[in-house]
Structure formats: C-alpha cells, structure tokens
C-alpha cells in the first residue's frame, strides 16, 4: 500500500514537472515570436524611412536641376474623328520636350464625352505633368486607355526627353516615372486614391487633374497645354 502511494506521489511530481517544462517552452516560443515581430517592425520602419528619404532626394534633385529641363508645353495633341450618342473615336499623338512626335494611337470608346486624366507633380520651381489615361462618360477611369504606355521608353517618360538632357537628369526622371507608375498600380501594388484624389505615400504633392472636352469639332486638332506652374488646358489649334 505504501509503495502504491509513493508511486502515485512520484507520478504526480513527474506530471507537475512535465507541465512546468511545457509551460516554460510555450512562454519561450511566445517570447521568440514577439521578439521576431519587434525586429520585423523595426526593419520595416527602417526600410520605410530609407524609401521616403530616397523619394525626397529625387524631388530635391529635380528641383535643383529643373531649370535645365525644358518644360513640356504640349505633351500631346488629339483629334476627334467621329462622335455619336453611343461612341466617340479619336487619334492621339505624343511629343517630346523638343516638339518631336514620339508615339500615336487611334481608337474608339463607348460614350460621347472625352476626359483626359493627368498626374501633376509640383516642384518649387514649377511642375511636371504626366498624362495618365483617356476615358469617357461611359467608361470608368480605371477602365480607360493607359496613356503612360505610349511614352514609356524603358522607364524614361518620353514627353520629357530632350537632346539637352544629361545622364543625371535622365536618371532622375526615370526614377520619378517608375515611382509614379508604381503608385498607379502599373508596377504591382495600387496605392493611389481614386482619380482626382491625392496620391498616398510616394509623392504627397502629386495629384490627379482631369480635363473634360465638353464642346469640340470633329476634325479639329486639340492640344493638352501644360503651363510651368502645373496648370493644364485643352485648347484647339
């Protein structure tokens, strides 16, 4: 009888030690997980800080050299070829900073009113404007025609290309263009707000500017005129 009692005591002690060991193991795992999470958060914060510093440097470098970059006054021209209550067709042509035609396309859309959405990046000494998409009153902006594609030359925004650009300014424009395309969802994650809203994270001073062509004549050439302060107009020639 005594032996059985002793065995029961030993069994209880063994179980208690096992539970204690298991509890310590669980706490150790939990502490390890928490430590890893903290390290991940620190690494993310450092990466985000470096990323934002890089974006600020791009903007600062552009601001110090923007006077040497010939501002594009007419990055694109277009002509409405036909229009009905159900469909509108047009021809678009893009030009570089030297006024040379670099790309064109012709297509039709459902709808009767044409819109052009552009991204405006404000700098201290001016602004850079990037036509983003064309759409109509019957086509949602995100479902419109991607205009960036037509003047994207290996990440160089062709509308700002010029024989006067040096290697450094060309690289700065490429980096800026890549970030804007990323923000627009063309390079992975879509971090932009709806068209007309302000972009998040990448460039706090980059905004969408949507222009509507309300009244137009078929066969007339219209220009997207960009002013040095970032103002945009659609004018007939």
Protein backbone atom coordinates (compact mmCIF):
# COMPACT_ATOMS: atom_id res chain seq x y z
CA UNK A 1 0.00 0.00 0.00
CA UNK A 2 2.82 2.31 0.93
CA UNK A 3 4.56 1.51 -2.30
CA UNK A 4 1.47 2.44 -4.29
CA UNK A 5 1.22 5.78 -2.51
CA UNK A 6 4.87 6.51 -3.19
CA UNK A 7 4.36 5.66 -6.85
CA UNK A 8 1.34 7.98 -7.05
CA UNK A 9 3.37 10.80 -5.49
CA UNK A 10 6.20 10.24 -7.95
CA UNK A 11 3.72 10.20 -10.83
CA UNK A 12 2.16 13.48 -9.69
CA UNK A 13 5.60 15.05 -9.36
CA UNK A 14 6.54 13.88 -12.85
CA UNK A 15 3.33 15.30 -14.29
CA UNK A 16 3.88 18.59 -12.49
CA UNK A 17 7.45 18.83 -13.80
CA UNK A 18 6.23 18.00 -17.33
CA UNK A 19 3.53 20.66 -17.19
CA UNK A 20 6.01 23.19 -15.84
CA UNK A 21 8.51 22.35 -18.57
CA UNK A 22 5.80 22.58 -21.24
CA UNK A 23 4.64 25.94 -19.87
CA UNK A 24 8.19 27.26 -19.93
CA UNK A 25 8.56 26.02 -23.51
CA UNK A 26 5.35 27.78 -24.56
CA UNK A 27 6.47 31.01 -22.90
CA UNK A 28 9.85 30.72 -24.61
CA UNK A 29 8.19 30.28 -28.02
CA UNK A 30 5.86 33.22 -27.33
CA UNK A 31 8.81 35.43 -26.36
CA UNK A 32 10.65 34.39 -29.52
CA UNK A 33 7.64 35.24 -31.68
CA UNK A 34 7.24 38.65 -30.01
CA UNK A 35 10.96 39.35 -30.47
CA UNK A 36 10.74 38.43 -34.16
CA UNK A 37 7.69 40.67 -34.62
CA UNK A 38 9.51 43.57 -32.99
CA UNK A 39 12.54 43.00 -35.23
CA UNK A 40 10.27 42.89 -38.30
CA UNK A 41 8.59 46.15 -37.29
CA UNK A 42 11.97 47.81 -36.74
CA UNK A 43 13.22 46.55 -40.12
CA UNK A 44 10.03 47.78 -41.80
CA UNK A 45 10.34 51.21 -40.18
CA UNK A 46 13.98 51.49 -41.27
CA UNK A 47 13.12 50.41 -44.83
CA UNK A 48 10.20 52.87 -44.98
CA UNK A 49 12.43 55.67 -43.72
CA UNK A 50 15.09 54.92 -46.32
CA UNK A 51 12.40 54.71 -49.01
CA UNK A 52 10.94 58.11 -48.11
CA UNK A 53 14.43 59.63 -47.96
CA UNK A 54 15.05 58.35 -51.48
CA UNK A 55 11.82 59.90 -52.76
CA UNK A 56 12.67 63.21 -51.12
CA UNK A 57 16.13 63.13 -52.67
CA UNK A 58 14.65 62.56 -56.13
CA UNK A 59 12.35 65.55 -55.69
CA UNK A 60 15.15 67.74 -54.29
CA UNK A 61 17.49 66.81 -57.12
CA UNK A 62 14.77 67.55 -59.66
CA UNK A 63 14.04 70.89 -58.03
CA UNK A 64 17.69 71.94 -58.19
CA UNK A 65 18.01 70.98 -61.84
CA UNK A 66 14.50 71.62 -63.20
CA UNK A 67 15.51 74.91 -64.80
CA UNK A 68 17.78 72.97 -67.13
CA UNK A 69 14.94 70.61 -68.10
CA UNK A 70 12.89 72.08 -70.90
CA UNK A 71 9.32 72.15 -69.63
CA UNK A 72 6.91 70.30 -71.92
CA UNK A 73 4.22 72.73 -73.06
CA UNK A 74 2.34 70.34 -75.36
CA UNK A 75 2.94 66.69 -74.45
CA UNK A 76 0.05 65.50 -76.62
CA UNK A 77 -2.36 66.53 -79.35
CA UNK A 78 -5.52 64.75 -80.38
CA UNK A 79 -8.27 64.93 -82.98
CA UNK A 80 -11.82 63.66 -82.60
CA UNK A 81 -12.57 61.57 -85.69
CA UNK A 82 -16.22 60.75 -85.09
CA UNK A 83 -18.88 61.02 -82.44
CA UNK A 84 -22.38 59.72 -81.78
CA UNK A 85 -24.56 59.31 -78.71
CA UNK A 86 -23.05 55.85 -78.22
CA UNK A 87 -19.43 56.10 -79.39
CA UNK A 88 -16.54 58.51 -79.85
CA UNK A 89 -13.26 57.94 -81.71
CA UNK A 90 -10.05 59.98 -81.66
CA UNK A 91 -6.40 59.99 -82.70
CA UNK A 92 -3.71 60.85 -80.12
CA UNK A 93 -0.13 61.96 -80.80
CA UNK A 94 2.61 62.42 -78.19
CA UNK A 95 5.60 64.78 -78.36
CA UNK A 96 8.90 65.05 -76.52
CA UNK A 97 10.31 68.22 -74.96
CA UNK A 98 11.87 69.18 -78.30
CA UNK A 99 8.50 69.04 -80.07
CA UNK A 100 9.21 65.79 -81.94
CA UNK A 101 6.40 63.26 -82.35
CA UNK A 102 7.28 60.09 -80.45
CA UNK A 103 4.11 57.96 -80.47
CA UNK A 104 0.49 57.86 -81.62
CA UNK A 105 -2.62 55.72 -81.50
CA UNK A 106 -6.19 55.75 -82.76
CA UNK A 107 -9.17 54.09 -81.14
CA UNK A 108 -12.84 54.41 -80.20
CA UNK A 109 -14.64 54.29 -76.84
CA UNK A 110 -18.21 53.80 -75.72
CA UNK A 111 -19.68 57.14 -74.68
CA UNK A 112 -19.95 60.67 -76.06
CA UNK A 113 -17.74 62.82 -73.78
CA UNK A 114 -13.94 62.55 -73.63
CA UNK A 115 -11.82 63.01 -70.49
CA UNK A 116 -8.04 63.15 -70.04
CA UNK A 117 -6.56 62.35 -66.63
CA UNK A 118 -3.06 63.68 -65.82
CA UNK A 119 -0.71 63.47 -62.85
CA UNK A 120 0.78 66.79 -61.72
CA UNK A 121 3.97 66.68 -59.62
CA UNK A 122 4.51 70.12 -58.08
CA UNK A 123 8.06 71.34 -57.53
CA UNK A 124 9.35 74.58 -56.02
CA UNK A 125 10.35 75.90 -59.42
CA UNK A 126 7.48 74.52 -61.49
CA UNK A 127 5.64 71.28 -62.11
CA UNK A 128 5.87 68.10 -64.15
CA UNK A 129 2.71 66.79 -65.80
CA UNK A 130 2.16 63.21 -66.94
CA UNK A 131 -0.97 62.31 -68.99
CA UNK A 132 -2.21 59.06 -67.44
CA UNK A 133 -5.38 57.88 -69.18
CA UNK A 134 -8.21 58.75 -71.53
CA UNK A 135 -11.78 57.71 -70.75
CA UNK A 136 -15.38 58.74 -71.41
CA UNK A 137 -18.63 59.29 -69.57
CA UNK A 138 -19.46 55.62 -70.26
CA UNK A 139 -16.06 54.18 -69.29
CA UNK A 140 -14.73 54.25 -65.72
CA UNK A 141 -11.33 55.98 -65.31
CA UNK A 142 -9.61 52.74 -64.28
CA UNK A 143 -11.02 51.09 -67.38
CA UNK A 144 -9.81 53.84 -69.68
CA UNK A 145 -6.87 53.80 -72.08
CA UNK A 146 -3.45 53.84 -70.42
CA UNK A 147 -1.56 56.81 -71.90
CA UNK A 148 1.66 56.22 -69.96
CA UNK A 149 2.30 53.16 -72.10
CA UNK A 150 2.72 55.23 -75.27
CA UNK A 151 5.52 57.44 -73.98
CA UNK A 152 7.21 54.93 -71.68
CA UNK A 153 10.63 54.21 -73.22
CA UNK A 154 12.42 51.83 -70.84
CA UNK A 155 11.11 53.83 -67.86
CA UNK A 156 12.05 57.17 -69.44
CA UNK A 157 9.00 59.44 -69.82
CA UNK A 158 9.37 60.31 -73.50
CA UNK A 159 7.41 63.55 -73.19
CA UNK A 160 10.29 64.96 -71.12
CA UNK A 161 13.07 63.54 -73.26
CA UNK A 162 15.31 66.08 -74.94
CA UNK A 163 18.68 66.28 -76.65
CA UNK A 164 19.60 68.75 -73.88
CA UNK A 165 19.20 66.23 -71.04
CA UNK A 166 22.34 64.88 -69.41
CA UNK A 167 22.67 61.39 -67.91
CA UNK A 168 21.91 62.53 -64.34
CA UNK A 169 18.68 64.35 -65.20
CA UNK A 170 17.56 61.46 -67.39
CA UNK A 171 18.09 59.04 -64.50
CA UNK A 172 16.17 61.30 -62.10
CA UNK A 173 13.22 61.42 -64.48
CA UNK A 174 13.32 57.64 -64.84
CA UNK A 175 13.22 57.11 -61.08
CA UNK A 176 10.35 59.56 -60.68
CA UNK A 177 8.44 57.93 -63.53
CA UNK A 178 8.89 54.45 -62.04
CA UNK A 179 7.52 55.59 -58.69
CA UNK A 180 4.51 57.25 -60.31
CA UNK A 181 3.77 54.11 -62.33
CA UNK A 182 4.04 52.06 -59.15
CA UNK A 183 1.60 54.39 -57.40
CA UNK A 184 -0.79 53.98 -60.32
CA UNK A 185 -0.75 50.20 -59.95
CA UNK A 186 1.26 49.60 -63.12
CA UNK A 187 4.19 48.11 -61.21
CA UNK A 188 2.43 46.00 -58.62
CA UNK A 189 0.60 47.40 -55.60
CA UNK A 190 -2.02 50.05 -56.23
CA UNK A 191 -1.56 52.78 -53.63
CA UNK A 192 -3.27 55.66 -55.39
CA UNK A 193 -6.61 57.06 -54.42
CA UNK A 194 -9.39 57.36 -56.98
CA UNK A 195 -8.66 59.66 -59.94
CA UNK A 196 -8.99 63.25 -58.80
CA UNK A 197 -7.62 62.47 -55.35
CA UNK A 198 -4.15 62.87 -53.88
CA UNK A 199 -1.60 60.10 -54.17
CA UNK A 200 -0.56 58.34 -51.00
CA UNK A 201 2.95 57.75 -49.66
CA UNK A 202 5.07 58.12 -52.80
CA UNK A 203 4.65 61.84 -53.50
CA UNK A 204 2.33 63.81 -51.26
CA UNK A 205 2.29 66.67 -53.75
CA UNK A 206 1.33 64.60 -56.82
CA UNK A 207 -2.35 65.00 -57.71
CA UNK A 208 -4.71 63.93 -60.47
CA UNK A 209 -6.07 66.62 -62.77
CA UNK A 210 -8.96 65.55 -65.01
CA UNK A 211 -9.92 67.67 -68.01
CA UNK A 212 -13.16 67.20 -69.92
CA UNK A 213 -13.61 68.08 -73.56
CA UNK A 214 -17.21 69.26 -73.48
CA UNK A 215 -17.53 71.03 -76.80
CA UNK A 216 -15.41 70.09 -79.78
CA UNK A 217 -15.45 69.91 -83.54
CA UNK A 218 -14.75 66.73 -85.47
CA UNK A 219 -11.51 67.03 -87.43
CA UNK A 220 -10.08 69.84 -85.25
CA UNK A 221 -6.70 69.35 -83.57
CA UNK A 222 -6.72 69.94 -79.80
CA UNK A 223 -3.65 70.33 -77.60
CA UNK A 224 -3.10 69.46 -73.97
CA UNK A 225 -1.24 72.62 -72.94
CA UNK A 226 0.87 72.45 -69.78
CA UNK A 227 1.89 75.68 -68.07
CA UNK A 228 5.04 75.99 -65.98
CA UNK A 229 3.00 76.19 -62.76
CA UNK A 230 1.31 72.87 -63.49
CA UNK A 231 -1.88 74.33 -64.90
CA UNK A 232 -3.45 72.28 -67.71
CA UNK A 233 -5.73 73.40 -70.54
CA UNK A 234 -7.24 71.78 -73.62
CA UNK A 235 -7.06 74.28 -76.48
CA UNK A 236 -7.89 73.98 -80.16
CA UNK A 237 -5.18 74.88 -82.66
